[in-house]
Amino acid sequence: MKRLTMVLFKIGVVLFLALGVGIVLVQAAGLVVGSPGLVSGAVSALGMAMTVSAGVTGLLGFVMSYLFHWQTGED
């Protein structure tokens, strides 16, 4: 169970970071060519997938804290 959760977490992190970078690159291209449709359309096209993958990855991280018995650090 630990191994599966870690693999899914890593896939989720890569997925939502790649989608985020994709949004930023498309928006930057829209700024360069002067296309407001590209700038706003990037979030419309990729925003939901990025948000859902980030949420699922966050929940996996929460589950992993219990599976791996992580302790809070006291400084």
C-alpha atoms as a PDB file:
ATOM      1  CA  MET A   1       0.000   0.000   0.000  1.00  0.00           C
ATOM      2  CA  LYS A   2       2.838   2.390   0.815  1.00  0.00           C
ATOM      3  CA  ARG A   3       4.567   1.754  -2.511  1.00  0.00           C
ATOM      4  CA  LEU A   4       1.356   2.282  -4.520  1.00  0.00           C
ATOM      5  CA  THR A   5       0.549   5.508  -2.686  1.00  0.00           C
ATOM      6  CA  MET A   6       4.060   6.852  -3.247  1.00  0.00           C
ATOM      7  CA  VAL A   7       3.919   6.065  -6.974  1.00  0.00           C
ATOM      8  CA  LEU A   8       0.508   7.732  -7.326  1.00  0.00           C
ATOM      9  CA  PHE A   9       1.756  10.754  -5.372  1.00  0.00           C
ATOM     10  CA  LYS A  10       4.795  11.160  -7.616  1.00  0.00           C
ATOM     11  CA  ILE A  11       2.661  10.852 -10.746  1.00  0.00           C
ATOM     12  CA  GLY A  12       0.251  13.437  -9.345  1.00  0.00           C
ATOM     13  CA  VAL A  13       3.024  15.921  -8.552  1.00  0.00           C
ATOM     14  CA  VAL A  14       4.508  15.607 -12.026  1.00  0.00           C
ATOM     15  CA  LEU A  15       1.056  15.897 -13.623  1.00  0.00           C
ATOM     16  CA  PHE A  16      -0.101  19.035 -11.860  1.00  0.00           C
ATOM     17  CA  LEU A  17       3.281  20.743 -12.188  1.00  0.00           C
ATOM     18  CA  ALA A  18       3.384  19.945 -15.914  1.00  0.00           C
ATOM     19  CA  LEU A  19      -0.150  21.283 -16.354  1.00  0.00           C
ATOM     20  CA  GLY A  20       0.780  24.435 -14.444  1.00  0.00           C
ATOM     21  CA  VAL A  21       3.850  24.994 -16.589  1.00  0.00           C
ATOM     22  CA  GLY A  22       1.731  24.361 -19.681  1.00  0.00           C
ATOM     23  CA  ILE A  23      -0.758  27.023 -18.620  1.00  0.00           C
ATOM     24  CA  VAL A  24       1.998  29.555 -18.007  1.00  0.00           C
ATOM     25  CA  LEU A  25       3.707  28.823 -21.340  1.00  0.00           C
ATOM     26  CA  VAL A  26       0.465  29.129 -23.313  1.00  0.00           C
ATOM     27  CA  GLN A  27      -0.369  32.371 -21.527  1.00  0.00           C
ATOM     28  CA  ALA A  28       3.135  33.721 -22.228  1.00  0.00           C
ATOM     29  CA  ALA A  29       2.724  32.842 -25.899  1.00  0.00           C
ATOM     30  CA  GLY A  30      -0.628  34.629 -25.868  1.00  0.00           C
ATOM     31  CA  LEU A  31       1.027  37.734 -24.451  1.00  0.00           C
ATOM     32  CA  VAL A  32       3.788  37.651 -27.058  1.00  0.00           C
ATOM     33  CA  VAL A  33       1.414  37.310 -30.014  1.00  0.00           C
ATOM     34  CA  GLY A  34      -1.191  39.633 -28.466  1.00  0.00           C
ATOM     35  CA  SER A  35      -4.004  37.097 -28.253  1.00  0.00           C
ATOM     36  CA  PRO A  36      -6.271  37.573 -25.220  1.00  0.00           C
ATOM     37  CA  GLY A  37      -8.110  34.393 -26.189  1.00  0.00           C
ATOM     38  CA  LEU A  38      -4.965  32.341 -25.633  1.00  0.00           C
ATOM     39  CA  VAL A  39      -4.326  33.938 -22.262  1.00  0.00           C
ATOM     40  CA  SER A  40      -7.800  33.296 -20.889  1.00  0.00           C
ATOM     41  CA  GLY A  41      -8.329  30.073 -22.835  1.00  0.00           C
ATOM     42  CA  ALA A  42      -5.333  28.376 -21.256  1.00  0.00           C
ATOM     43  CA  VAL A  43      -6.971  28.379 -17.843  1.00  0.00           C
ATOM     44  CA  SER A  44     -10.309  27.314 -19.316  1.00  0.00           C
ATOM     45  CA  ALA A  45      -8.703  24.358 -21.071  1.00  0.00           C
ATOM     46  CA  LEU A  46      -6.202  23.147 -18.473  1.00  0.00           C
ATOM     47  CA  GLY A  47      -7.240  24.771 -15.204  1.00  0.00           C
ATOM     48  CA  MET A  48      -9.759  22.178 -14.049  1.00  0.00           C
ATOM     49  CA  ALA A  49      -7.424  19.246 -14.738  1.00  0.00           C
ATOM     50  CA  MET A  50      -4.599  21.002 -12.891  1.00  0.00           C
ATOM     51  CA  THR A  51      -6.793  21.818  -9.906  1.00  0.00           C
ATOM     52  CA  VAL A  52      -8.211  18.306  -9.629  1.00  0.00           C
ATOM     53  CA  SER A  53      -4.787  16.662  -9.921  1.00  0.00           C
ATOM     54  CA  ALA A  54      -3.360  19.028  -7.299  1.00  0.00           C
ATOM     55  CA  GLY A  55      -6.262  18.265  -4.952  1.00  0.00           C
ATOM     56  CA  VAL A  56      -5.949  14.505  -5.373  1.00  0.00           C
ATOM     57  CA  THR A  57      -2.186  14.736  -4.861  1.00  0.00           C
ATOM     58  CA  GLY A  58      -2.714  16.740  -1.680  1.00  0.00           C
ATOM     59  CA  LEU A  59      -5.127  14.141  -0.371  1.00  0.00           C
ATOM     60  CA  LEU A  60      -2.624  11.399  -1.206  1.00  0.00           C
ATOM     61  CA  GLY A  61      -0.008  13.303   0.785  1.00  0.00           C
ATOM     62  CA  PHE A  62      -2.413  13.426   3.724  1.00  0.00           C
ATOM     63  CA  VAL A  63      -3.036   9.673   3.490  1.00  0.00           C
ATOM     64  CA  MET A  64       0.713   9.064   3.258  1.00  0.00           C
ATOM     65  CA  SER A  65       1.259  10.916   6.519  1.00  0.00           C
ATOM     66  CA  TYR A  66      -0.760   8.183   8.232  1.00  0.00           C
ATOM     67  CA  LEU A  67       0.660   5.268   6.242  1.00  0.00           C
ATOM     68  CA  PHE A  68       4.271   6.314   6.885  1.00  0.00           C
ATOM     69  CA  HIS A  69       3.573   7.429  10.486  1.00  0.00           C
ATOM     70  CA  TRP A  70       5.131  10.846   9.958  1.00  0.00           C
ATOM     71  CA  GLN A  71       5.592  12.863  13.126  1.00  0.00           C
ATOM     72  CA  THR A  72       5.366  16.612  13.416  1.00  0.00           C
ATOM     73  CA  GLY A  73       8.671  18.229  14.198  1.00  0.00           C
ATOM     74  CA  GLU A  74       9.030  20.378  17.277  1.00  0.00           C
ATOM     75  CA  ASP A  75      11.651  23.089  16.969  1.00  0.00           C
END
